[in-house]
Amino acid sequence: MKKRYAIPLAFLAVVGVGYWVYATPPSAPARVILTADEIVTMDPDQPTVYAVLIENGIIADVGPLDRLSPSGDVEIRHLDGVLTPGLIEPHTHPIASALLGASLDISSFKYSTRAEIMAALKEAAGKTALTPWLVAYGWDPVALPGLTPPTRAELDAISADRPIIILTQMLHDAYVNTAAVDAAGITLQGSLLHETIAIDSVVTKTPSPAPALTELLVRRQFAKYARNGFTTIGVTGAVGRHPDQIGLLKRISMDDNSPLRSFVYLVQRHLDRYVETGNPDYALGGDLDFAVLGAKFWVDGSPFTGGAATAEPYEQNAFVNDYLSISPDFKDNILNTAEDLEQRLSELHQAGYQIALHVQGERAVDAALDAIERLQDAYPMPQLSHRLEHNALITQQQMARAARLNVSLGFFIDHISYYGHVLPNFFGADRMTRYMPVNSAFQSGALVTVHGDHPATPIDPVNTLRTATTRQSYRGDAVSGLSEAITAYQAFQAMTINAATQLGKQDALGSIAIGKQADFALFTGNPVTGDLKSIAVKGTWKDGQPVDQRNVSWLKPGLVLSTIGSLLGLSGS
């Protein structure tokens, strides 16, 4: 009997040891000196150095190698490439990105015609998915000419019984079939859900994937950020189906080998939950691995749905009026009255919450700045720097006002990359000269950052850098407001030290300087002086340790087993 089990047990032991060895993440000594082909610090006092001494995850010294080689054991590692501070994405949505990344992709990055997309929807309707609903993401009538809205009848013909929800690329419109309307218990004429409140009325009723599966997907998303050079993210709204979004992000961020730091801005339902439950995970504050910094509010919507609260009407043409069904002389409304907005923000401001406000059109910017100015006048907290997000049509006067109020400006510059060739249809040639006016923002004296707002655009920081410096669409056939281009140094500044400052973490992150965390990105070339068309990210370091780029870093066996059990109905998780 003993011999019968000896070989299988030995085999399992070998497999177990092998997996343990394989799964062990790469590491560096607690005390190590890093050199590279170049080291870009983003510290104006020492723009370039030749070596970095790391002690227990902290930058202990920078300078020439001979000065950094003290007596005692210290390993010297040379990295092939250009070492920079770790990138910081100040405005992103990792849970939504993770879940939508696992939904049906119908984006313009995959399909080029309406017929192809409708065929993909029909095929997917007959297949199993993460939930009983068919969730599709990436419907993009701006990028794909001829992509007219799907009618309720069309979607019902695809499936009369299975609920279908189709989310647009920018997540400010959605389309549903009758089964989804009935399942959500709402009243709706046609198929269109316009802007976030309407979309949430259905999305919040969709079945959630198993929590273990969602966690696996979010862990994979964290790894994806890290593969693209990011070591820190600002989660401006932990949106996405999960019973405890904040707890999930905290758990992943505080793992010993987490690839990212995450700083979270609560949305209204999280603020309400905190009041109801007192859950300490939702409390303001935290540490350098995870912290709640503030709250996020929407003042207007998306420019691509007619949702931007503009000073002047959208352009009058067939594309806007007929194709996108935006009526003549349309200027969308502010989502909240001035009194309501100020009331919602007042208590948070007084409690020290940093408030991030989604604004696209000029009237939305005015509404946000008016509210902030009244709050600062009534309850002065000059050290509290609130944020304006996206800022598509912000004016010179508004930027100067933001600088005076210590309000930072974050720009969704990838609008120009992906939609630069069609944006003049929305706003005309004159307004396009100042669309996403990043250069003017730098000149205004305000703190400036750039972001990708994932999942609205793919994670591609080099493309973001390139777009900020060229103002060119990815198709190469349109340049939008070239006078608003910035230098590569400014663009990289916006994604490192400026982003750290916007998050209030400039003393610990954002540059390679003594006393800061040893968070780095490694590029194939210099992102400040090199050719951004040929540069790529090679890897990241966090807390003085190389970040594991392999799938094993996020593919946790326990979560896999729990997911399988849930799918098979073997557990309640």
Protein backbone atom coordinates (compact mmCIF):
# COMPACT_ATOMS: atom_id res chain seq x y z
CA MET A 1 0.00 0.00 0.00
CA LYS A 2 2.84 2.38 0.86
CA LYS A 3 4.50 1.77 -2.53
CA ARG A 4 1.15 2.42 -4.22
CA TYR A 5 1.10 6.03 -2.99
CA ALA A 6 4.83 6.72 -2.97
CA ILE A 7 5.14 7.81 -6.61
CA PRO A 8 2.00 10.02 -6.69
CA LEU A 9 2.97 11.72 -3.44
CA ALA A 10 6.50 12.26 -4.66
CA PHE A 11 5.14 13.71 -7.90
CA LEU A 12 2.82 16.06 -6.01
CA ALA A 13 5.70 17.14 -3.79
CA VAL A 14 7.86 17.95 -6.81
CA VAL A 15 4.99 19.84 -8.44
CA GLY A 16 4.30 21.73 -5.23
CA VAL A 17 7.91 22.73 -4.73
CA GLY A 18 8.22 23.64 -8.40
CA TYR A 19 5.15 25.85 -8.24
CA TRP A 20 6.41 27.50 -5.05
CA VAL A 21 9.73 28.28 -6.71
CA TYR A 22 8.00 29.51 -9.87
CA ALA A 23 5.50 31.65 -7.97
CA THR A 24 8.13 33.33 -5.82
CA PRO A 25 8.31 36.92 -7.08
CA PRO A 26 11.59 38.46 -8.24
CA SER A 27 13.30 40.42 -5.51
CA ALA A 28 16.19 42.68 -4.68
CA PRO A 29 18.14 42.99 -1.42
CA ALA A 30 16.88 45.47 1.14
CA ARG A 31 20.02 47.43 0.40
CA VAL A 32 20.81 47.81 -3.29
CA ILE A 33 22.29 50.33 -5.72
CA LEU A 34 20.57 50.70 -9.08
CA THR A 35 22.29 52.07 -12.15
CA ALA A 36 20.87 52.40 -15.64
CA ASP A 37 21.74 53.69 -19.07
CA GLU A 38 20.15 56.98 -17.92
CA ILE A 39 18.32 58.03 -14.77
CA VAL A 40 15.76 60.82 -15.10
CA THR A 41 14.79 62.07 -11.63
CA MET A 42 12.15 64.79 -12.27
CA ASP A 43 13.87 66.62 -9.43
CA PRO A 44 14.85 70.09 -10.73
CA ASP A 45 17.72 70.28 -8.25
CA GLN A 46 19.26 67.10 -9.72
CA PRO A 47 17.65 66.34 -13.09
CA THR A 48 19.92 63.37 -13.85
CA VAL A 49 21.99 61.09 -11.66
CA TYR A 50 24.07 58.00 -12.27
CA ALA A 51 23.06 55.73 -9.39
CA VAL A 52 20.36 55.34 -6.74
CA LEU A 53 20.94 53.79 -3.30
CA ILE A 54 17.87 52.07 -1.87
CA GLU A 55 17.55 51.02 1.75
CA ASN A 56 14.41 49.19 2.87
CA GLY A 57 12.32 50.57 0.04
CA ILE A 58 13.40 54.20 0.52
CA ILE A 59 15.77 56.22 -1.67
CA ALA A 60 18.71 56.75 0.69
CA ASP A 61 21.02 58.58 -1.71
CA VAL A 62 21.50 59.56 -5.34
CA GLY A 63 24.60 60.58 -7.21
CA PRO A 64 27.76 59.10 -8.70
CA LEU A 65 28.34 55.40 -8.18
CA ASP A 66 31.68 55.80 -6.41
CA ARG A 67 30.08 57.97 -3.73
CA LEU A 68 27.15 55.59 -3.27
CA SER A 69 29.33 52.51 -2.69
CA PRO A 70 29.97 52.60 1.03
CA SER A 71 31.64 49.86 2.98
CA GLY A 72 29.56 46.82 3.77
CA ASP A 73 27.49 44.51 1.65
CA VAL A 74 25.51 46.29 -1.01
CA GLU A 75 24.50 44.79 -4.34
CA ILE A 76 24.88 46.86 -7.48
CA ARG A 77 22.37 46.16 -10.24
CA HIS A 78 22.51 47.68 -13.69
CA LEU A 79 19.21 48.07 -15.55
CA ASP A 80 19.28 48.23 -19.33
CA GLY A 81 17.15 51.23 -20.21
CA VAL A 82 16.14 54.59 -18.79
CA LEU A 83 15.04 54.70 -15.16
CA THR A 84 12.41 57.26 -14.16
CA PRO A 85 10.01 57.82 -11.29
CA GLY A 86 7.07 55.44 -11.39
CA LEU A 87 4.19 56.83 -13.42
CA ILE A 88 1.11 58.06 -11.60
CA GLU A 89 -2.35 57.79 -13.17
CA PRO A 90 -4.43 60.32 -11.18
CA HIS A 91 -7.82 59.55 -12.76
CA THR A 92 -8.86 55.98 -13.49
CA HIS A 93 -11.45 53.31 -12.67
CA PRO A 94 -9.77 49.94 -12.09
CA ILE A 95 -12.84 47.88 -11.14
CA ALA A 96 -14.87 49.06 -14.12
CA SER A 97 -11.82 48.55 -16.35
CA ALA A 98 -11.39 45.01 -15.05
CA LEU A 99 -15.02 44.00 -15.51
CA LEU A 100 -15.52 45.70 -18.86
CA GLY A 101 -12.29 44.13 -20.04
CA ALA A 102 -13.99 40.78 -19.49
CA SER A 103 -17.23 41.82 -21.24
CA LEU A 104 -17.98 41.66 -24.97
CA ASP A 105 -15.64 44.06 -26.75
CA ILE A 106 -17.50 45.89 -29.51
CA SER A 107 -15.15 48.87 -29.71
CA SER A 108 -13.75 50.58 -32.76
CA PHE A 109 -10.41 49.02 -31.84
CA LYS A 110 -11.88 45.63 -32.83
CA TYR A 111 -14.68 46.26 -35.35
CA SER A 112 -15.01 48.69 -38.23
CA THR A 113 -18.68 48.38 -39.25
CA ARG A 114 -22.10 48.30 -37.63
CA ALA A 115 -22.89 44.97 -39.28
CA GLU A 116 -19.84 43.35 -37.66
CA ILE A 117 -20.86 44.64 -34.23
CA MET A 118 -24.46 43.46 -34.53
CA ALA A 119 -23.26 40.04 -35.67
CA ALA A 120 -20.93 39.85 -32.64
CA LEU A 121 -23.83 40.73 -30.33
CA LYS A 122 -26.03 38.04 -31.89
CA GLU A 123 -23.30 35.42 -31.54
CA ALA A 124 -22.56 36.37 -27.92
CA ALA A 125 -26.24 36.27 -26.94
CA GLY A 126 -26.20 32.50 -27.34
CA LYS A 127 -23.11 31.97 -25.23
CA THR A 128 -22.53 31.90 -21.49
CA ALA A 129 -20.72 34.82 -19.86
CA LEU A 130 -19.69 36.14 -16.46
CA THR A 131 -23.33 36.93 -15.62
CA PRO A 132 -26.74 35.93 -17.03
CA TRP A 133 -26.87 39.34 -18.73
CA LEU A 134 -25.11 40.13 -21.99
CA VAL A 135 -22.90 43.13 -21.26
CA ALA A 136 -21.14 44.73 -24.22
CA TYR A 137 -18.75 47.65 -24.08
CA GLY A 138 -17.30 50.07 -26.59
CA TRP A 139 -20.20 51.20 -28.80
CA ASP A 140 -18.61 54.26 -30.39
CA PRO A 141 -20.60 56.27 -32.96
CA VAL A 142 -17.98 59.01 -32.87
CA ALA A 143 -15.14 56.76 -33.99
CA LEU A 144 -17.24 54.68 -36.41
CA PRO A 145 -19.21 56.70 -38.97
CA GLY A 146 -22.53 55.02 -39.72
CA LEU A 147 -22.93 53.46 -36.27
CA THR A 148 -26.53 54.52 -35.77
CA PRO A 149 -28.09 53.73 -32.36
CA PRO A 150 -29.46 50.20 -31.92
CA THR A 151 -33.24 50.23 -31.59
CA ARG A 152 -35.16 48.40 -28.89
CA ALA A 153 -36.58 46.14 -31.61
CA GLU A 154 -33.11 45.27 -32.91
CA LEU A 155 -31.90 44.31 -29.45
CA ASP A 156 -35.09 42.35 -28.70
CA ALA A 157 -34.55 40.43 -31.93
CA ILE A 158 -31.06 39.48 -30.75
CA SER A 159 -32.53 38.21 -27.48
CA ALA A 160 -36.07 38.50 -26.20
CA ASP A 161 -35.30 36.75 -22.91
CA ARG A 162 -31.70 37.58 -22.01
CA PRO A 163 -31.15 41.15 -20.75
CA ILE A 164 -28.75 43.12 -22.93
CA ILE A 165 -26.93 46.32 -22.00
CA ILE A 166 -24.55 48.01 -24.41
CA LEU A 167 -22.24 50.66 -22.95
CA THR A 168 -20.66 53.34 -25.10
CA GLN A 169 -16.91 53.88 -25.15
CA MET A 170 -17.05 56.92 -22.85
CA LEU A 171 -19.68 55.29 -20.57
CA HIS A 172 -22.06 58.23 -20.75
CA ASP A 173 -24.72 56.48 -22.88
CA ALA A 174 -26.04 52.93 -22.93
CA TYR A 175 -28.61 50.90 -24.87
CA VAL A 176 -30.85 48.15 -23.50
CA ASN A 177 -33.42 45.64 -24.67
CA THR A 178 -36.86 45.06 -23.18
CA ALA A 179 -35.64 42.19 -21.00
CA ALA A 180 -33.11 44.54 -19.35
CA VAL A 181 -35.76 47.24 -18.83
CA ASP A 182 -38.09 44.71 -17.21
CA ALA A 183 -35.34 43.18 -15.06
CA ALA A 184 -34.29 46.63 -13.83
CA GLY A 185 -37.90 47.62 -13.09
CA ILE A 186 -37.69 50.96 -14.89
CA THR A 187 -39.81 52.79 -17.42
CA LEU A 188 -38.04 53.64 -20.66
CA GLN A 189 -39.11 54.68 -24.12
CA GLY A 190 -36.82 53.25 -26.75
CA SER A 191 -33.38 51.80 -25.96
CA LEU A 192 -31.28 54.79 -24.86
CA LEU A 193 -30.04 55.45 -21.32
CA HIS A 194 -28.49 58.92 -21.30
CA GLU A 195 -25.81 59.93 -18.76
CA THR A 196 -24.77 58.38 -15.48
CA ILE A 197 -27.98 58.50 -13.42
CA ALA A 198 -30.02 56.75 -16.10
CA ILE A 199 -27.26 54.21 -16.77
CA ASP A 200 -26.90 53.43 -13.07
CA SER A 201 -30.62 52.66 -12.85
CA VAL A 202 -29.92 49.56 -14.93
CA VAL A 203 -26.26 48.78 -14.18
CA THR A 204 -26.97 48.57 -10.45
CA LYS A 205 -29.59 45.90 -11.21
CA THR A 206 -27.26 43.67 -13.24
CA PRO A 207 -26.15 40.49 -11.49
CA SER A 208 -22.67 40.79 -10.02
CA PRO A 209 -19.99 38.28 -11.00
CA ALA A 210 -18.77 36.11 -8.16
CA PRO A 211 -16.71 38.33 -5.80
CA ALA A 212 -13.71 36.02 -6.14
CA LEU A 213 -13.84 36.33 -9.92
CA THR A 214 -14.10 40.12 -9.71
CA GLU A 215 -11.09 40.20 -7.41
CA LEU A 216 -9.09 38.09 -9.86
CA LEU A 217 -9.99 40.45 -12.68
CA VAL A 218 -9.07 43.54 -10.64
CA ARG A 219 -5.76 41.95 -9.66
CA ARG A 220 -5.12 41.34 -13.35
CA GLN A 221 -5.98 45.00 -14.01
CA PHE A 222 -3.48 46.13 -11.36
CA ALA A 223 -0.83 44.05 -13.11
CA LYS A 224 -1.77 45.69 -16.42
CA TYR A 225 -1.20 49.17 -14.98
CA ALA A 226 2.19 48.02 -13.68
CA ARG A 227 3.20 46.60 -17.06
CA ASN A 228 2.60 50.07 -18.47
CA GLY A 229 4.87 51.86 -16.01
CA PHE A 230 2.36 52.88 -13.34
CA THR A 231 3.13 52.45 -9.66
CA THR A 232 0.30 54.63 -8.31
CA ILE A 233 -3.31 55.24 -9.35
CA GLY A 234 -5.95 57.74 -8.29
CA VAL A 235 -9.33 55.99 -8.31
CA THR A 236 -11.78 58.79 -9.06
CA GLY A 237 -14.85 56.73 -8.32
CA ALA A 238 -14.62 53.03 -7.46
CA VAL A 239 -17.35 52.13 -9.95
CA GLY A 240 -18.05 48.55 -11.03
CA ARG A 241 -20.17 45.68 -9.77
CA HIS A 242 -18.87 44.33 -6.46
CA PRO A 243 -20.48 44.28 -2.99
CA ASP A 244 -17.57 46.18 -1.41
CA GLN A 245 -15.54 48.14 -3.96
CA ILE A 246 -13.53 50.11 -1.40
CA GLY A 247 -12.67 47.05 0.68
CA LEU A 248 -11.62 45.20 -2.48
CA LEU A 249 -9.23 47.96 -3.56
CA LYS A 250 -7.83 48.24 -0.06
CA ARG A 251 -7.20 44.50 0.21
CA ILE A 252 -5.39 44.30 -3.13
CA SER A 253 -3.40 47.50 -2.59
CA MET A 254 -2.17 46.41 0.83
CA ASP A 255 -0.93 42.99 -0.26
CA ASP A 256 2.77 42.48 0.44
CA ASN A 257 3.48 42.25 -3.29
CA SER A 258 0.89 44.67 -4.62
CA PRO A 259 2.14 46.33 -7.82
CA LEU A 260 0.26 49.59 -7.14
CA ARG A 261 -0.58 52.18 -4.55
CA SER A 262 -4.17 53.33 -4.82
CA PHE A 263 -5.77 56.53 -3.59
CA VAL A 264 -9.55 56.61 -3.71
CA TYR A 265 -12.24 59.26 -4.15
CA LEU A 266 -15.65 58.12 -2.89
CA VAL A 267 -18.80 58.58 -4.96
CA GLN A 268 -22.13 59.47 -3.36
CA ARG A 269 -23.23 55.89 -2.65
CA HIS A 270 -19.97 55.23 -0.82
CA LEU A 271 -20.42 58.38 1.24
CA ASP A 272 -23.95 57.23 2.06
CA ARG A 273 -22.71 53.76 3.00
CA TYR A 274 -20.07 55.25 5.29
CA VAL A 275 -22.75 57.26 7.09
CA GLU A 276 -24.93 54.16 7.41
CA THR A 277 -22.28 51.64 8.47
CA GLY A 278 -19.28 53.52 9.79
CA ASN A 279 -17.05 51.06 7.92
CA PRO A 280 -13.48 52.23 8.65
CA ASP A 281 -12.37 51.28 5.12
CA TYR A 282 -14.41 54.29 3.92
CA ALA A 283 -12.92 56.74 6.40
CA LEU A 284 -10.83 59.65 5.17
CA GLY A 285 -7.11 58.89 5.38
CA GLY A 286 -4.83 55.89 5.12
CA ASP A 287 -1.18 55.31 4.26
CA LEU A 288 1.06 55.14 1.21
CA ASP A 289 -0.37 51.80 0.10
CA PHE A 290 -4.04 52.78 0.26
CA ALA A 291 -5.92 55.87 1.33
CA VAL A 292 -9.28 57.57 0.89
CA LEU A 293 -8.45 61.11 -0.19
CA GLY A 294 -11.81 62.63 -0.98
CA ALA A 295 -14.96 62.45 -3.07
CA LYS A 296 -15.94 62.61 -6.75
CA PHE A 297 -18.92 64.44 -8.27
CA TRP A 298 -20.16 64.99 -11.83
CA VAL A 299 -21.12 68.53 -12.81
CA ASP A 300 -21.86 67.76 -16.49
CA GLY A 301 -21.48 64.81 -18.86
CA SER A 302 -19.59 63.73 -21.96
CA PRO A 303 -18.88 65.99 -24.95
CA PHE A 304 -19.59 63.04 -27.24
CA THR A 305 -23.19 62.61 -26.11
CA GLY A 306 -24.10 66.28 -26.01
CA GLY A 307 -23.55 66.14 -22.26
CA ALA A 308 -20.98 68.93 -21.93
CA ALA A 309 -22.47 72.09 -20.42
CA THR A 310 -21.00 74.46 -23.01
CA ALA A 311 -21.10 78.24 -23.20
CA GLU A 312 -22.09 78.14 -26.88
CA PRO A 313 -24.20 75.55 -28.71
CA TYR A 314 -22.69 72.52 -30.37
CA GLU A 315 -21.93 72.95 -34.04
CA GLN A 316 -24.84 72.70 -36.45
CA ASN A 317 -24.21 69.96 -39.00
CA ALA A 318 -25.52 66.58 -40.11
CA PHE A 319 -23.03 64.72 -37.93
CA VAL A 320 -24.22 66.41 -34.73
CA ASN A 321 -27.90 66.98 -35.49
CA ASP A 322 -28.83 63.91 -37.53
CA TYR A 323 -26.26 61.24 -36.81
CA LEU A 324 -25.81 61.88 -33.04
CA SER A 325 -29.34 63.29 -32.56
CA ILE A 326 -28.12 66.43 -30.78
CA SER A 327 -30.70 69.14 -31.43
CA PRO A 328 -29.85 72.57 -32.86
CA ASP A 329 -28.81 75.24 -30.34
CA PHE A 330 -28.29 72.51 -27.74
CA LYS A 331 -26.28 73.34 -24.61
CA ASP A 332 -26.60 70.63 -21.98
CA ASN A 333 -27.66 71.47 -18.45
CA ILE A 334 -25.61 71.42 -15.27
CA LEU A 335 -26.42 68.22 -13.39
CA ASN A 336 -26.99 70.04 -10.08
CA THR A 337 -28.31 73.44 -9.08
CA ALA A 338 -25.76 75.80 -7.56
CA GLU A 339 -27.41 75.46 -4.17
CA ASP A 340 -27.50 71.66 -4.32
CA LEU A 341 -23.88 71.41 -5.44
CA GLU A 342 -22.66 73.72 -2.70
CA GLN A 343 -24.71 71.88 -0.08
CA ARG A 344 -23.33 68.51 -1.14
CA LEU A 345 -19.76 69.78 -1.07
CA SER A 346 -19.88 71.92 2.05
CA GLU A 347 -19.72 69.22 4.71
CA LEU A 348 -17.01 67.35 2.80
CA HIS A 349 -14.92 70.49 2.36
CA GLN A 350 -15.14 71.28 6.06
CA ALA A 351 -14.11 67.71 6.92
CA GLY A 352 -10.99 67.99 4.75
CA TYR A 353 -12.08 65.89 1.78
CA GLN A 354 -10.37 66.72 -1.49
CA ILE A 355 -13.17 67.05 -4.03
CA ALA A 356 -12.73 65.98 -7.66
CA LEU A 357 -15.31 67.52 -9.99
CA HIS A 358 -16.02 66.21 -13.49
CA VAL A 359 -16.32 69.24 -15.80
CA GLN A 360 -16.18 69.47 -19.61
CA GLY A 361 -18.01 72.59 -20.76
CA GLU A 362 -17.37 76.19 -19.74
CA ARG A 363 -20.61 76.50 -17.75
CA ALA A 364 -19.74 73.37 -15.77
CA VAL A 365 -16.31 74.81 -14.97
CA ASP A 366 -17.92 78.04 -13.77
CA ALA A 367 -20.38 76.12 -11.58
CA ALA A 368 -17.55 74.12 -9.99
CA LEU A 369 -15.31 77.13 -9.39
CA ASP A 370 -18.25 79.15 -8.01
CA ALA A 371 -19.00 76.41 -5.47
CA ILE A 372 -15.34 76.05 -4.47
CA GLU A 373 -14.87 79.80 -4.09
CA ARG A 374 -17.96 80.14 -1.89
CA LEU A 375 -16.76 77.25 0.28
CA GLN A 376 -13.26 78.69 0.63
CA ASP A 377 -14.73 82.07 1.52
CA ALA A 378 -17.06 80.59 4.15
CA TYR A 379 -14.69 77.93 5.49
CA PRO A 380 -11.12 78.89 4.52
CA MET A 381 -8.91 75.87 3.93
CA PRO A 382 -6.28 77.18 1.52
CA GLN A 383 -4.15 74.06 1.98
CA LEU A 384 -6.98 71.91 0.58
CA SER A 385 -6.50 71.69 -3.19
CA HIS A 386 -9.67 70.56 -4.94
CA ARG A 387 -9.60 69.16 -8.48
CA LEU A 388 -11.27 69.84 -11.82
CA GLU A 389 -11.31 66.78 -14.07
CA HIS A 390 -11.15 66.64 -17.91
CA ASN A 391 -11.59 70.39 -18.65
CA ALA A 392 -12.28 70.05 -22.37
CA LEU A 393 -13.30 73.69 -22.97
CA ILE A 394 -11.94 75.51 -19.93
CA THR A 395 -11.04 79.14 -20.71
CA GLN A 396 -7.99 81.29 -19.94
CA GLN A 397 -9.95 83.24 -17.33
CA GLN A 398 -11.17 80.06 -15.66
CA MET A 399 -7.67 78.61 -15.49
CA ALA A 400 -6.37 81.78 -13.87
CA ARG A 401 -9.21 81.59 -11.38
CA ALA A 402 -8.42 77.94 -10.65
CA ALA A 403 -4.78 78.84 -9.98
CA ARG A 404 -5.89 81.58 -7.58
CA LEU A 405 -8.14 79.13 -5.72
CA ASN A 406 -5.40 76.45 -5.56
CA VAL A 407 -7.52 74.14 -7.74
CA SER A 408 -5.58 71.61 -9.83
CA LEU A 409 -6.49 70.87 -13.45
CA GLY A 410 -6.48 67.35 -14.89
CA PHE A 411 -6.81 66.96 -18.66
CA PHE A 412 -8.19 63.96 -20.54
CA ILE A 413 -5.77 64.57 -23.39
CA ASP A 414 -6.51 61.23 -25.08
CA HIS A 415 -9.72 62.80 -26.44
CA ILE A 416 -7.46 64.32 -29.06
CA SER A 417 -5.65 61.09 -29.77
CA TYR A 418 -8.74 59.00 -30.42
CA TYR A 419 -11.23 61.61 -31.64
CA GLY A 420 -9.20 64.52 -32.95
CA HIS A 421 -10.33 63.89 -36.51
CA VAL A 422 -14.03 64.31 -35.62
CA LEU A 423 -13.94 66.79 -32.72
CA PRO A 424 -14.30 69.84 -35.05
CA ASN A 425 -17.74 68.48 -35.96
CA PHE A 426 -18.77 69.05 -32.33
CA PHE A 427 -17.10 72.36 -31.55
CA GLY A 428 -15.85 73.97 -34.76
CA ALA A 429 -12.41 75.18 -35.75
CA ASP A 430 -12.27 78.12 -33.33
CA ARG A 431 -13.03 76.14 -30.19
CA MET A 432 -10.69 73.37 -31.28
CA THR A 433 -7.75 75.78 -30.99
CA ARG A 434 -8.33 75.72 -27.23
CA TYR A 435 -9.73 72.22 -26.72
CA MET A 436 -7.87 70.60 -23.81
CA PRO A 437 -5.70 73.74 -23.41
CA VAL A 438 -2.83 72.11 -21.53
CA ASN A 439 -0.14 74.62 -22.49
CA SER A 440 -2.27 77.54 -21.37
CA ALA A 441 -2.97 75.68 -18.14
CA PHE A 442 0.76 75.39 -17.44
CA GLN A 443 1.17 79.10 -18.15
CA SER A 444 -1.71 79.97 -15.80
CA GLY A 445 0.23 78.76 -12.78
CA ALA A 446 -2.27 76.03 -11.91
CA LEU A 447 -1.08 72.52 -11.11
CA VAL A 448 -1.56 70.44 -14.29
CA THR A 449 -1.90 66.68 -14.76
CA VAL A 450 -2.99 64.43 -17.63
CA HIS A 451 -4.91 61.18 -17.42
CA GLY A 452 -6.38 58.31 -19.43
CA ASP A 453 -9.71 57.82 -17.59
CA HIS A 454 -9.58 54.06 -18.18
CA PRO A 455 -11.63 52.20 -19.34
CA ALA A 456 -12.67 55.09 -21.59
CA THR A 457 -9.34 54.70 -23.39
CA PRO A 458 -6.75 51.89 -23.43
CA ILE A 459 -3.91 52.05 -20.90
CA ASP A 460 -1.10 53.54 -22.96
CA PRO A 461 0.95 56.20 -21.15
CA VAL A 462 3.39 56.65 -24.01
CA ASN A 463 0.49 57.52 -26.31
CA THR A 464 -0.74 60.00 -23.69
CA LEU A 465 2.71 61.60 -23.55
CA ARG A 466 2.91 61.69 -27.35
CA THR A 467 -0.55 63.23 -27.70
CA ALA A 468 0.24 65.98 -25.20
CA THR A 469 3.33 66.94 -27.21
CA THR A 470 1.95 66.60 -30.77
CA ARG A 471 -1.82 67.15 -30.40
CA GLN A 472 -2.16 64.60 -33.22
CA SER A 473 -4.86 61.95 -33.62
CA TYR A 474 -3.75 58.34 -33.75
CA ARG A 475 -4.86 58.24 -37.40
CA GLY A 476 -2.29 60.91 -38.15
CA ASP A 477 -4.68 63.03 -40.19
CA ALA A 478 -5.62 65.70 -37.65
CA VAL A 479 -3.82 68.08 -35.32
CA SER A 480 -5.94 69.91 -32.76
CA GLY A 481 -4.79 73.24 -31.33
CA LEU A 482 -1.05 72.90 -31.87
CA SER A 483 -0.41 76.03 -29.79
CA GLU A 484 -1.63 74.04 -26.78
CA ALA A 485 1.08 71.37 -27.18
CA ILE A 486 3.51 71.02 -24.29
CA THR A 487 7.08 69.76 -24.07
CA ALA A 488 7.89 66.14 -23.35
CA TYR A 489 9.32 67.25 -20.01
CA GLN A 490 6.07 68.99 -19.07
CA ALA A 491 4.05 65.97 -20.15
CA PHE A 492 6.20 63.64 -18.06
CA GLN A 493 6.03 66.10 -15.18
CA ALA A 494 2.24 65.95 -15.42
CA MET A 495 2.38 62.14 -15.06
CA THR A 496 4.87 62.04 -12.18
CA ILE A 497 5.61 64.83 -9.72
CA ASN A 498 2.54 66.91 -10.64
CA ALA A 499 0.28 63.89 -10.27
CA ALA A 500 1.88 63.12 -6.90
CA THR A 501 1.24 66.71 -5.84
CA GLN A 502 -2.39 66.52 -6.97
CA LEU A 503 -2.78 63.47 -4.70
CA GLY A 504 -0.99 65.26 -1.86
CA LYS A 505 1.87 62.73 -1.93
CA GLN A 506 4.67 64.87 -3.36
CA ASP A 507 6.86 64.34 -0.28
CA ALA A 508 6.94 60.58 -0.90
CA LEU A 509 6.27 60.01 -4.60
CA GLY A 510 6.72 61.48 -8.07
CA SER A 511 10.48 61.99 -8.32
CA ILE A 512 13.75 60.21 -7.61
CA ALA A 513 15.01 62.07 -4.57
CA ILE A 514 16.43 61.25 -1.15
CA GLY A 515 13.77 60.19 1.34
CA LYS A 516 11.13 59.22 -1.22
CA GLN A 517 9.76 55.76 -1.95
CA ALA A 518 11.82 53.74 -4.40
CA ASP A 519 9.11 53.58 -7.10
CA PHE A 520 10.43 53.48 -10.66
CA ALA A 521 9.49 52.89 -14.28
CA LEU A 522 12.02 51.50 -16.74
CA PHE A 523 11.76 52.64 -20.37
CA THR A 524 13.56 51.50 -23.51
CA GLY A 525 14.45 55.15 -24.20
CA ASN A 526 14.31 58.55 -22.57
CA PRO A 527 10.66 59.72 -22.36
CA VAL A 528 11.76 63.33 -21.80
CA THR A 529 14.27 63.71 -24.62
CA GLY A 530 13.78 60.65 -26.84
CA ASP A 531 11.49 59.75 -29.73
CA LEU A 532 8.10 58.94 -28.18
CA LYS A 533 7.15 56.94 -31.28
CA SER A 534 9.70 54.26 -30.45
CA ILE A 535 9.77 54.21 -26.63
CA ALA A 536 8.15 51.47 -24.56
CA VAL A 537 7.92 50.51 -20.90
CA LYS A 538 10.14 47.60 -19.81
CA GLY A 539 9.10 47.23 -16.18
CA THR A 540 8.43 48.82 -12.82
CA TRP A 541 9.84 48.84 -9.30
CA LYS A 542 7.85 49.61 -6.16
CA ASP A 543 9.26 50.06 -2.65
CA GLY A 544 12.68 49.09 -3.94
CA GLN A 545 11.51 45.76 -5.36
CA PRO A 546 10.98 44.72 -8.99
CA VAL A 547 7.30 44.26 -9.74
CA ASP A 548 6.40 40.76 -10.89
CA GLN A 549 5.11 41.08 -14.47
CA ARG A 550 4.01 37.43 -14.82
CA ASN A 551 0.43 36.17 -14.73
CA VAL A 552 1.26 34.20 -11.60
CA SER A 553 1.50 37.54 -9.78
CA TRP A 554 -2.28 38.02 -9.94
CA LEU A 555 -3.61 34.51 -10.63
CA LYS A 556 -4.21 33.46 -7.03
CA PRO A 557 -5.02 29.73 -6.70
CA GLY A 558 -7.44 30.29 -3.81
CA LEU A 559 -9.46 32.82 -5.78
CA VAL A 560 -9.48 30.54 -8.82
CA LEU A 561 -10.88 27.65 -6.76
CA SER A 562 -13.47 29.91 -5.13
CA THR A 563 -14.53 31.20 -8.54
CA ILE A 564 -14.90 27.70 -9.92
CA GLY A 565 -16.93 26.71 -6.87
CA SER A 566 -19.24 29.70 -7.32
CA LEU A 567 -19.76 29.00 -11.02
CA LEU A 568 -20.58 25.38 -10.21
CA GLY A 569 -22.84 26.34 -7.34
CA LEU A 570 -20.61 24.60 -4.80
CA SER A 571 -20.28 27.55 -2.44
CA GLY A 572 -22.00 30.70 -1.44
CA SER A 573 -19.15 32.98 -2.46
